[in-house]
Amino acid sequence: MAAARTALRSLPDFLQTAASRVMPVLRSLAHAAIDTVFPPACLNCRQSTGAAHSLCASCWAQVRFIERPFCERLGTPFAMDLGNDGLLSPEAVANPPVYNRARAVAHFEDGPVRQLVHRLKYNDRMELAKPLGAWMARAGNELLVEADLLVPVPLHRRRLAARRFNQAHALAQTISAQCGVPADPFVLARVKPTPSQVGLSRSQRALNLQGAFRVTDGMAPRIEGRAVVLIDDVMTSGATANAASRALLRVGAKSVDVLVFALAV
């Protein structure tokens, strides 16, 4: 594609105009040819679908998307529409989070959402970052239009070496491409090799993550006075988001919001 663009720029103006009109048609024909040879498949079950990078009707029906009405702070959905915007859940009132607002695409539960997250996270299905990140960009639009910087939740260096990539960074790259807000994976570091959070209570998770994050040396000016959106794949108790937000606010971030693909409700 880069070579084609270079060649196009070298043409006379009238030929550039003609070529620029033809190129989208050629791209569409190329995509159609590829879809004929390799029909689009469901991201989850691999059954045939009508469009690439999507879910089949059966998997789509199993996803519980999070839409309003939901708690303005935690992003957790309400059972019924009370007719008022900006309402807070009892949990947000009793235990307000460190971050300002959280938004998510869907409930984290058995089925396609859990399977997609686990395949991205543990099975090296890096191609899933693009469709999942695109869904996140839509779900978090109200956060992103106010954001100055995207910060993926980092992995500790030992876990990063074992896994070879950070799924939060991959998602942040896609979201950045969608909304135009820059993503920086280097401003925040995970300095404490915390054990797995699975099976821990809310208070145990919070204790486990005390002091786990800090802003990288020399990166405070990158954060100071800026609206930051933390990016991660899943939020369960909010302990990770709170610990990371606290580190960012400590060096002068104007605000910290959280955007995840899935929320454990």
C-alpha atoms as a PDB file:
ATOM      1  CA  MET A   1       0.000   0.000   0.000  1.00  0.00           C
ATOM      2  CA  ALA A   2       2.838   2.424   0.786  1.00  0.00           C
ATOM      3  CA  ALA A   3       4.426   1.746  -2.609  1.00  0.00           C
ATOM      4  CA  ALA A   4       1.077   2.345  -4.317  1.00  0.00           C
ATOM      5  CA  ARG A   5       0.664   5.681  -2.551  1.00  0.00           C
ATOM      6  CA  THR A   6       4.199   6.729  -3.532  1.00  0.00           C
ATOM      7  CA  ALA A   7       3.553   5.816  -7.155  1.00  0.00           C
ATOM      8  CA  LEU A   8       0.246   7.698  -7.094  1.00  0.00           C
ATOM      9  CA  ARG A   9       1.919  10.889  -5.853  1.00  0.00           C
ATOM     10  CA  SER A  10       4.375  10.755  -8.768  1.00  0.00           C
ATOM     11  CA  LEU A  11       1.588  10.943 -11.382  1.00  0.00           C
ATOM     12  CA  PRO A  12       0.359  14.177 -13.004  1.00  0.00           C
ATOM     13  CA  ASP A  13      -2.533  15.874 -11.207  1.00  0.00           C
ATOM     14  CA  PHE A  14      -5.264  14.703 -13.596  1.00  0.00           C
ATOM     15  CA  LEU A  15      -4.053  11.113 -13.374  1.00  0.00           C
ATOM     16  CA  GLN A  16      -3.846  11.368  -9.570  1.00  0.00           C
ATOM     17  CA  THR A  17      -7.489  12.475  -9.505  1.00  0.00           C
ATOM     18  CA  ALA A  18      -8.573   9.592 -11.731  1.00  0.00           C
ATOM     19  CA  ALA A  19      -6.509   7.072  -9.786  1.00  0.00           C
ATOM     20  CA  SER A  20      -7.820   8.308  -6.421  1.00  0.00           C
ATOM     21  CA  ARG A  21     -11.354   7.618  -7.647  1.00  0.00           C
ATOM     22  CA  VAL A  22     -10.477   4.159  -8.918  1.00  0.00           C
ATOM     23  CA  MET A  23      -8.459   2.986  -5.892  1.00  0.00           C
ATOM     24  CA  PRO A  24     -11.442   2.590  -3.494  1.00  0.00           C
ATOM     25  CA  VAL A  25     -13.218   0.481  -6.137  1.00  0.00           C
ATOM     26  CA  LEU A  26     -10.145  -1.681  -6.593  1.00  0.00           C
ATOM     27  CA  ARG A  27      -9.806  -2.119  -2.828  1.00  0.00           C
ATOM     28  CA  SER A  28     -13.462  -3.171  -2.585  1.00  0.00           C
ATOM     29  CA  LEU A  29     -12.987  -5.682  -5.388  1.00  0.00           C
ATOM     30  CA  ALA A  30      -9.865  -7.040  -3.690  1.00  0.00           C
ATOM     31  CA  HIS A  31     -11.691  -7.455  -0.385  1.00  0.00           C
ATOM     32  CA  ALA A  32     -14.588  -9.166  -2.169  1.00  0.00           C
ATOM     33  CA  ALA A  33     -12.163 -11.565  -3.863  1.00  0.00           C
ATOM     34  CA  ILE A  34     -10.506 -12.380  -0.538  1.00  0.00           C
ATOM     35  CA  ASP A  35     -13.913 -12.962   1.079  1.00  0.00           C
ATOM     36  CA  THR A  36     -14.799 -15.338  -1.764  1.00  0.00           C
ATOM     37  CA  VAL A  37     -11.680 -17.437  -1.240  1.00  0.00           C
ATOM     38  CA  PHE A  38     -11.628 -17.047   2.565  1.00  0.00           C
ATOM     39  CA  PRO A  39     -15.220 -16.359   3.728  1.00  0.00           C
ATOM     40  CA  PRO A  40     -15.516 -14.189   6.861  1.00  0.00           C
ATOM     41  CA  ALA A  41     -15.764 -16.205  10.071  1.00  0.00           C
ATOM     42  CA  CYS A  42     -17.157 -15.434  13.517  1.00  0.00           C
ATOM     43  CA  LEU A  43     -14.487 -14.095  15.865  1.00  0.00           C
ATOM     44  CA  ASN A  44     -15.620 -16.545  18.520  1.00  0.00           C
ATOM     45  CA  CYS A  45     -16.939 -19.808  17.035  1.00  0.00           C
ATOM     46  CA  ARG A  46     -15.447 -19.498  13.499  1.00  0.00           C
ATOM     47  CA  GLN A  47     -18.797 -20.103  11.808  1.00  0.00           C
ATOM     48  CA  SER A  48     -19.392 -18.176   8.579  1.00  0.00           C
ATOM     49  CA  THR A  49     -20.584 -14.594   8.958  1.00  0.00           C
ATOM     50  CA  GLY A  50     -21.745 -11.876   6.627  1.00  0.00           C
ATOM     51  CA  ALA A  51     -18.888  -9.523   7.490  1.00  0.00           C
ATOM     52  CA  ALA A  52     -15.289  -9.818   8.620  1.00  0.00           C
ATOM     53  CA  HIS A  53     -14.240  -9.088  12.217  1.00  0.00           C
ATOM     54  CA  SER A  54     -17.720  -9.716  13.618  1.00  0.00           C
ATOM     55  CA  LEU A  55     -19.750 -12.263  15.550  1.00  0.00           C
ATOM     56  CA  CYS A  56     -22.284 -14.663  14.120  1.00  0.00           C
ATOM     57  CA  ALA A  57     -25.939 -14.207  15.074  1.00  0.00           C
ATOM     58  CA  SER A  58     -25.761 -16.975  17.687  1.00  0.00           C
ATOM     59  CA  CYS A  59     -22.698 -15.550  19.487  1.00  0.00           C
ATOM     60  CA  TRP A  60     -23.998 -11.975  19.207  1.00  0.00           C
ATOM     61  CA  ALA A  61     -27.220 -13.017  20.955  1.00  0.00           C
ATOM     62  CA  GLN A  62     -25.190 -14.340  23.907  1.00  0.00           C
ATOM     63  CA  VAL A  63     -23.349 -11.052  24.536  1.00  0.00           C
ATOM     64  CA  ARG A  64     -24.862  -8.827  27.221  1.00  0.00           C
ATOM     65  CA  PHE A  65     -23.867  -5.381  26.038  1.00  0.00           C
ATOM     66  CA  ILE A  66     -23.773  -2.610  28.649  1.00  0.00           C
ATOM     67  CA  GLU A  67     -25.944   0.344  27.727  1.00  0.00           C
ATOM     68  CA  ARG A  68     -27.648   3.096  29.649  1.00  0.00           C
ATOM     69  CA  PRO A  69     -29.053   3.265  32.251  1.00  0.00           C
ATOM     70  CA  PHE A  70     -25.899   2.600  34.275  1.00  0.00           C
ATOM     71  CA  CYS A  71     -24.016   4.070  37.233  1.00  0.00           C
ATOM     72  CA  GLU A  72     -22.206   7.220  36.127  1.00  0.00           C
ATOM     73  CA  ARG A  73     -19.080   6.355  38.157  1.00  0.00           C
ATOM     74  CA  LEU A  74     -18.780   2.568  37.965  1.00  0.00           C
ATOM     75  CA  GLY A  75     -20.477   1.950  34.626  1.00  0.00           C
ATOM     76  CA  THR A  76     -22.495  -0.914  36.113  1.00  0.00           C
ATOM     77  CA  PRO A  77     -25.978  -1.229  34.587  1.00  0.00           C
ATOM     78  CA  PHE A  78     -29.163  -0.610  36.536  1.00  0.00           C
ATOM     79  CA  ALA A  79     -31.945  -3.188  36.498  1.00  0.00           C
ATOM     80  CA  MET A  80     -34.448  -0.569  35.368  1.00  0.00           C
ATOM     81  CA  ASP A  81     -34.528   2.890  33.859  1.00  0.00           C
ATOM     82  CA  LEU A  82     -35.289   5.409  36.608  1.00  0.00           C
ATOM     83  CA  GLY A  83     -35.666   8.230  34.112  1.00  0.00           C
ATOM     84  CA  ASN A  84     -32.725  10.309  35.365  1.00  0.00           C
ATOM     85  CA  ASP A  85     -29.235  10.723  33.932  1.00  0.00           C
ATOM     86  CA  GLY A  86     -26.081  10.765  36.036  1.00  0.00           C
ATOM     87  CA  LEU A  87     -27.350   8.475  38.793  1.00  0.00           C
ATOM     88  CA  LEU A  88     -24.901   6.700  41.096  1.00  0.00           C
ATOM     89  CA  SER A  89     -25.247   3.144  42.333  1.00  0.00           C
ATOM     90  CA  PRO A  90     -25.254   2.407  46.081  1.00  0.00           C
ATOM     91  CA  GLU A  91     -21.816   0.823  45.641  1.00  0.00           C
ATOM     92  CA  ALA A  92     -20.399   4.016  44.094  1.00  0.00           C
ATOM     93  CA  VAL A  93     -21.803   6.081  46.959  1.00  0.00           C
ATOM     94  CA  ALA A  94     -20.581   3.733  49.703  1.00  0.00           C
ATOM     95  CA  ASN A  95     -17.172   2.992  48.121  1.00  0.00           C
ATOM     96  CA  PRO A  96     -16.377   5.714  45.568  1.00  0.00           C
ATOM     97  CA  PRO A  97     -13.577   4.698  43.200  1.00  0.00           C
ATOM     98  CA  VAL A  98     -10.306   6.582  42.831  1.00  0.00           C
ATOM     99  CA  TYR A  99     -10.974   7.056  39.115  1.00  0.00           C
ATOM    100  CA  ASN A 100     -13.703   9.338  37.823  1.00  0.00           C
ATOM    101  CA  ARG A 101     -15.743   7.150  35.460  1.00  0.00           C
ATOM    102  CA  ALA A 102     -15.593   3.625  34.050  1.00  0.00           C
ATOM    103  CA  ARG A 103     -17.114   2.356  30.820  1.00  0.00           C
ATOM    104  CA  ALA A 104     -17.230  -1.134  29.275  1.00  0.00           C
ATOM    105  CA  VAL A 105     -18.574  -2.868  26.211  1.00  0.00           C
ATOM    106  CA  ALA A 106     -20.174  -5.922  27.808  1.00  0.00           C
ATOM    107  CA  HIS A 107     -20.631  -8.105  30.875  1.00  0.00           C
ATOM    108  CA  PHE A 108     -17.733 -10.453  31.610  1.00  0.00           C
ATOM    109  CA  GLU A 109     -19.368 -13.834  31.877  1.00  0.00           C
ATOM    110  CA  ASP A 110     -19.245 -17.329  30.405  1.00  0.00           C
ATOM    111  CA  GLY A 111     -19.769 -17.277  26.674  1.00  0.00           C
ATOM    112  CA  PRO A 112     -18.299 -15.271  23.785  1.00  0.00           C
ATOM    113  CA  VAL A 113     -17.044 -12.315  25.877  1.00  0.00           C
ATOM    114  CA  ARG A 114     -14.981 -14.450  28.265  1.00  0.00           C
ATOM    115  CA  GLN A 115     -13.709 -16.592  25.401  1.00  0.00           C
ATOM    116  CA  LEU A 116     -12.637 -13.598  23.326  1.00  0.00           C
ATOM    117  CA  VAL A 117     -10.795 -12.032  26.266  1.00  0.00           C
ATOM    118  CA  HIS A 118      -9.010 -15.278  27.126  1.00  0.00           C
ATOM    119  CA  ARG A 119      -8.030 -15.922  23.512  1.00  0.00           C
ATOM    120  CA  LEU A 120      -6.520 -12.458  23.195  1.00  0.00           C
ATOM    121  CA  LYS A 121      -4.858 -12.638  26.590  1.00  0.00           C
ATOM    122  CA  TYR A 122      -3.549 -16.194  26.735  1.00  0.00           C
ATOM    123  CA  ASN A 123      -3.736 -17.709  23.226  1.00  0.00           C
ATOM    124  CA  ASP A 124      -1.806 -15.100  21.209  1.00  0.00           C
ATOM    125  CA  ARG A 125      -4.891 -14.163  19.161  1.00  0.00           C
ATOM    126  CA  MET A 126      -3.515 -10.676  18.541  1.00  0.00           C
ATOM    127  CA  GLU A 127      -5.890 -10.088  15.624  1.00  0.00           C
ATOM    128  CA  LEU A 128      -8.725  -9.839  18.173  1.00  0.00           C
ATOM    129  CA  ALA A 129      -7.335  -6.554  19.512  1.00  0.00           C
ATOM    130  CA  LYS A 130      -8.659  -4.639  16.500  1.00  0.00           C
ATOM    131  CA  PRO A 131     -12.353  -5.572  16.676  1.00  0.00           C
ATOM    132  CA  LEU A 132     -12.406  -5.530  20.490  1.00  0.00           C
ATOM    133  CA  GLY A 133     -10.651  -2.160  20.546  1.00  0.00           C
ATOM    134  CA  ALA A 134     -13.093  -0.767  17.976  1.00  0.00           C
ATOM    135  CA  TRP A 135     -16.033  -1.786  20.181  1.00  0.00           C
ATOM    136  CA  MET A 136     -14.308  -0.151  23.153  1.00  0.00           C
ATOM    137  CA  ALA A 137     -13.827   3.087  21.224  1.00  0.00           C
ATOM    138  CA  ARG A 138     -17.577   3.251  20.587  1.00  0.00           C
ATOM    139  CA  ALA A 139     -18.543   2.314  24.152  1.00  0.00           C
ATOM    140  CA  GLY A 140     -16.121   4.860  25.631  1.00  0.00           C
ATOM    141  CA  ASN A 141     -16.730   7.720  23.221  1.00  0.00           C
ATOM    142  CA  GLU A 142     -17.857  10.125  25.971  1.00  0.00           C
ATOM    143  CA  LEU A 143     -14.547   9.551  27.784  1.00  0.00           C
ATOM    144  CA  LEU A 144     -12.379   9.686  24.695  1.00  0.00           C
ATOM    145  CA  VAL A 145     -13.688  13.025  23.405  1.00  0.00           C
ATOM    146  CA  GLU A 146     -12.391  14.616  26.626  1.00  0.00           C
ATOM    147  CA  ALA A 147      -9.140  12.639  26.837  1.00  0.00           C
ATOM    148  CA  ASP A 148      -5.600  13.885  26.304  1.00  0.00           C
ATOM    149  CA  LEU A 149      -3.806  10.568  26.702  1.00  0.00           C
ATOM    150  CA  LEU A 150      -4.509   6.826  26.715  1.00  0.00           C
ATOM    151  CA  VAL A 151      -2.499   4.744  29.187  1.00  0.00           C
ATOM    152  CA  PRO A 152      -2.697   0.944  28.983  1.00  0.00           C
ATOM    153  CA  VAL A 153      -2.504  -0.841  32.324  1.00  0.00           C
ATOM    154  CA  PRO A 154       1.032  -2.289  32.311  1.00  0.00           C
ATOM    155  CA  LEU A 155       2.186  -5.815  33.101  1.00  0.00           C
ATOM    156  CA  HIS A 156       5.097  -6.507  35.405  1.00  0.00           C
ATOM    157  CA  ARG A 157       8.245  -7.157  33.382  1.00  0.00           C
ATOM    158  CA  ARG A 158       8.312 -10.848  34.389  1.00  0.00           C
ATOM    159  CA  ARG A 159       4.750 -11.433  33.225  1.00  0.00           C
ATOM    160  CA  LEU A 160       5.382  -9.431  30.060  1.00  0.00           C
ATOM    161  CA  ALA A 161       8.420 -11.591  29.296  1.00  0.00           C
ATOM    162  CA  ALA A 162       6.368 -14.759  29.789  1.00  0.00           C
ATOM    163  CA  ARG A 163       3.351 -13.566  27.772  1.00  0.00           C
ATOM    164  CA  ARG A 164       5.425 -11.616  25.189  1.00  0.00           C
ATOM    165  CA  PHE A 165       2.830  -8.860  24.782  1.00  0.00           C
ATOM    166  CA  ASN A 166       0.471  -6.685  26.805  1.00  0.00           C
ATOM    167  CA  GLN A 167      -3.127  -7.070  25.665  1.00  0.00           C
ATOM    168  CA  ALA A 168      -4.048  -3.681  27.172  1.00  0.00           C
ATOM    169  CA  HIS A 169      -1.412  -1.999  24.988  1.00  0.00           C
ATOM    170  CA  ALA A 170      -2.736  -3.775  21.883  1.00  0.00           C
ATOM    171  CA  LEU A 171      -6.262  -2.548  22.674  1.00  0.00           C
ATOM    172  CA  ALA A 172      -5.016   0.984  23.365  1.00  0.00           C
ATOM    173  CA  GLN A 173      -3.297   1.117  19.966  1.00  0.00           C
ATOM    174  CA  THR A 174      -6.550   0.280  18.196  1.00  0.00           C
ATOM    175  CA  ILE A 175      -8.545   2.774  20.273  1.00  0.00           C
ATOM    176  CA  SER A 176      -5.946   5.466  19.571  1.00  0.00           C
ATOM    177  CA  ALA A 177      -6.229   4.827  15.833  1.00  0.00           C
ATOM    178  CA  GLN A 178     -10.019   5.108  16.109  1.00  0.00           C
ATOM    179  CA  CYS A 179     -10.254   8.312  18.164  1.00  0.00           C
ATOM    180  CA  GLY A 180      -6.952  10.103  17.502  1.00  0.00           C
ATOM    181  CA  VAL A 181      -5.939  10.347  21.178  1.00  0.00           C
ATOM    182  CA  PRO A 182      -2.286   9.267  21.624  1.00  0.00           C
ATOM    183  CA  ALA A 183      -1.494   6.124  23.601  1.00  0.00           C
ATOM    184  CA  ASP A 184       1.680   5.843  25.685  1.00  0.00           C
ATOM    185  CA  PRO A 185       2.609   2.455  27.194  1.00  0.00           C
ATOM    186  CA  PHE A 186       5.690   3.816  28.958  1.00  0.00           C
ATOM    187  CA  VAL A 187       4.348   6.430  31.378  1.00  0.00           C
ATOM    188  CA  LEU A 188       3.099   3.876  33.907  1.00  0.00           C
ATOM    189  CA  ALA A 189       5.067   0.921  35.271  1.00  0.00           C
ATOM    190  CA  ARG A 190       4.014  -2.086  37.289  1.00  0.00           C
ATOM    191  CA  VAL A 191       6.772  -2.350  39.862  1.00  0.00           C
ATOM    192  CA  LYS A 192       5.289  -5.019  42.128  1.00  0.00           C
ATOM    193  CA  PRO A 193       4.977  -8.599  40.816  1.00  0.00           C
ATOM    194  CA  THR A 194       1.525  -9.202  42.274  1.00  0.00           C
ATOM    195  CA  PRO A 195       0.185 -12.760  42.414  1.00  0.00           C
ATOM    196  CA  SER A 196      -2.962 -13.629  40.509  1.00  0.00           C
ATOM    197  CA  GLN A 197      -6.133 -11.876  41.649  1.00  0.00           C
ATOM    198  CA  VAL A 198      -8.315 -14.900  40.881  1.00  0.00           C
ATOM    199  CA  GLY A 199     -10.171 -16.116  43.968  1.00  0.00           C
ATOM    200  CA  LEU A 200      -9.330 -13.082  46.123  1.00  0.00           C
ATOM    201  CA  SER A 201     -11.948 -10.983  47.893  1.00  0.00           C
ATOM    202  CA  ARG A 202     -12.352  -7.270  47.145  1.00  0.00           C
ATOM    203  CA  SER A 203     -10.274  -6.249  50.176  1.00  0.00           C
ATOM    204  CA  GLN A 204      -7.602  -8.850  49.377  1.00  0.00           C
ATOM    205  CA  ARG A 205      -7.373  -7.587  45.792  1.00  0.00           C
ATOM    206  CA  ALA A 206      -6.901  -4.008  47.010  1.00  0.00           C
ATOM    207  CA  LEU A 207      -4.203  -5.075  49.488  1.00  0.00           C
ATOM    208  CA  ASN A 208      -2.496  -7.168  46.814  1.00  0.00           C
ATOM    209  CA  LEU A 209      -2.152  -4.110  44.564  1.00  0.00           C
ATOM    210  CA  GLN A 210      -0.949  -1.541  47.101  1.00  0.00           C
ATOM    211  CA  GLY A 211       2.137   0.127  45.650  1.00  0.00           C
ATOM    212  CA  ALA A 212       1.963  -1.970  42.478  1.00  0.00           C
ATOM    213  CA  PHE A 213       2.152   1.000  40.068  1.00  0.00           C
ATOM    214  CA  ARG A 214       4.232   4.128  39.701  1.00  0.00           C
ATOM    215  CA  VAL A 215       4.770   6.704  37.003  1.00  0.00           C
ATOM    216  CA  THR A 216       8.046   6.059  35.197  1.00  0.00           C
ATOM    217  CA  ASP A 217      10.924   8.377  36.078  1.00  0.00           C
ATOM    218  CA  GLY A 218      10.813  11.539  33.999  1.00  0.00           C
ATOM    219  CA  MET A 219       7.273  10.898  32.737  1.00  0.00           C
ATOM    220  CA  ALA A 220       5.374  13.076  35.245  1.00  0.00           C
ATOM    221  CA  PRO A 221       5.272  16.083  32.837  1.00  0.00           C
ATOM    222  CA  ARG A 222       3.530  13.815  30.317  1.00  0.00           C
ATOM    223  CA  ILE A 223       0.716  13.286  32.826  1.00  0.00           C
ATOM    224  CA  GLU A 224       0.478  16.546  34.731  1.00  0.00           C
ATOM    225  CA  GLY A 225      -2.690  18.502  33.994  1.00  0.00           C
ATOM    226  CA  ARG A 226      -3.968  15.950  31.487  1.00  0.00           C
ATOM    227  CA  ALA A 227      -7.169  13.939  31.244  1.00  0.00           C
ATOM    228  CA  VAL A 228      -6.070  10.301  31.150  1.00  0.00           C
ATOM    229  CA  VAL A 229      -8.049   7.232  30.119  1.00  0.00           C
ATOM    230  CA  LEU A 230      -6.742   3.944  31.492  1.00  0.00           C
ATOM    231  CA  ILE A 231      -7.184   1.013  29.089  1.00  0.00           C
ATOM    232  CA  ASP A 232      -7.548  -2.625  30.152  1.00  0.00           C
ATOM    233  CA  ASP A 233      -9.283  -5.781  28.980  1.00  0.00           C
ATOM    234  CA  VAL A 234     -11.385  -6.624  32.054  1.00  0.00           C
ATOM    235  CA  MET A 235     -12.346  -4.918  35.292  1.00  0.00           C
ATOM    236  CA  THR A 236     -13.486  -7.148  38.158  1.00  0.00           C
ATOM    237  CA  SER A 237     -13.311  -5.460  41.566  1.00  0.00           C
ATOM    238  CA  GLY A 238     -11.733  -2.233  40.330  1.00  0.00           C
ATOM    239  CA  ALA A 239      -8.638  -2.747  42.496  1.00  0.00           C
ATOM    240  CA  THR A 240      -6.237  -2.579  39.549  1.00  0.00           C
ATOM    241  CA  ALA A 241      -7.932   0.511  38.128  1.00  0.00           C
ATOM    242  CA  ASN A 242      -7.897   2.216  41.532  1.00  0.00           C
ATOM    243  CA  ALA A 243      -4.214   1.467  42.144  1.00  0.00           C
ATOM    244  CA  ALA A 244      -3.167   2.656  38.677  1.00  0.00           C
ATOM    245  CA  SER A 245      -5.375   5.762  38.913  1.00  0.00           C
ATOM    246  CA  ARG A 246      -3.895   6.656  42.285  1.00  0.00           C
ATOM    247  CA  ALA A 247      -0.370   6.590  40.817  1.00  0.00           C
ATOM    248  CA  LEU A 248      -1.429   8.882  37.937  1.00  0.00           C
ATOM    249  CA  LEU A 249      -3.309  11.336  40.151  1.00  0.00           C
ATOM    250  CA  ARG A 250      -0.378  11.494  42.557  1.00  0.00           C
ATOM    251  CA  VAL A 251       1.797  13.119  39.873  1.00  0.00           C
ATOM    252  CA  GLY A 252      -0.868  15.635  38.850  1.00  0.00           C
ATOM    253  CA  ALA A 253      -3.204  14.050  36.295  1.00  0.00           C
ATOM    254  CA  LYS A 254      -6.253  16.288  35.882  1.00  0.00           C
ATOM    255  CA  SER A 255      -8.584  13.270  35.824  1.00  0.00           C
ATOM    256  CA  VAL A 256      -8.476   9.526  35.240  1.00  0.00           C
ATOM    257  CA  ASP A 257     -11.246   7.537  33.553  1.00  0.00           C
ATOM    258  CA  VAL A 258     -11.231   3.810  32.818  1.00  0.00           C
ATOM    259  CA  LEU A 259     -12.234   2.013  29.619  1.00  0.00           C
ATOM    260  CA  VAL A 260     -12.335  -1.784  29.475  1.00  0.00           C
ATOM    261  CA  PHE A 261     -13.766  -4.367  27.130  1.00  0.00           C
ATOM    262  CA  ALA A 262     -15.588  -6.359  29.786  1.00  0.00           C
ATOM    263  CA  LEU A 263     -16.936  -5.586  33.249  1.00  0.00           C
ATOM    264  CA  ALA A 264     -17.586  -8.229  35.886  1.00  0.00           C
ATOM    265  CA  VAL A 265     -20.921  -7.158  37.345  1.00  0.00           C
END
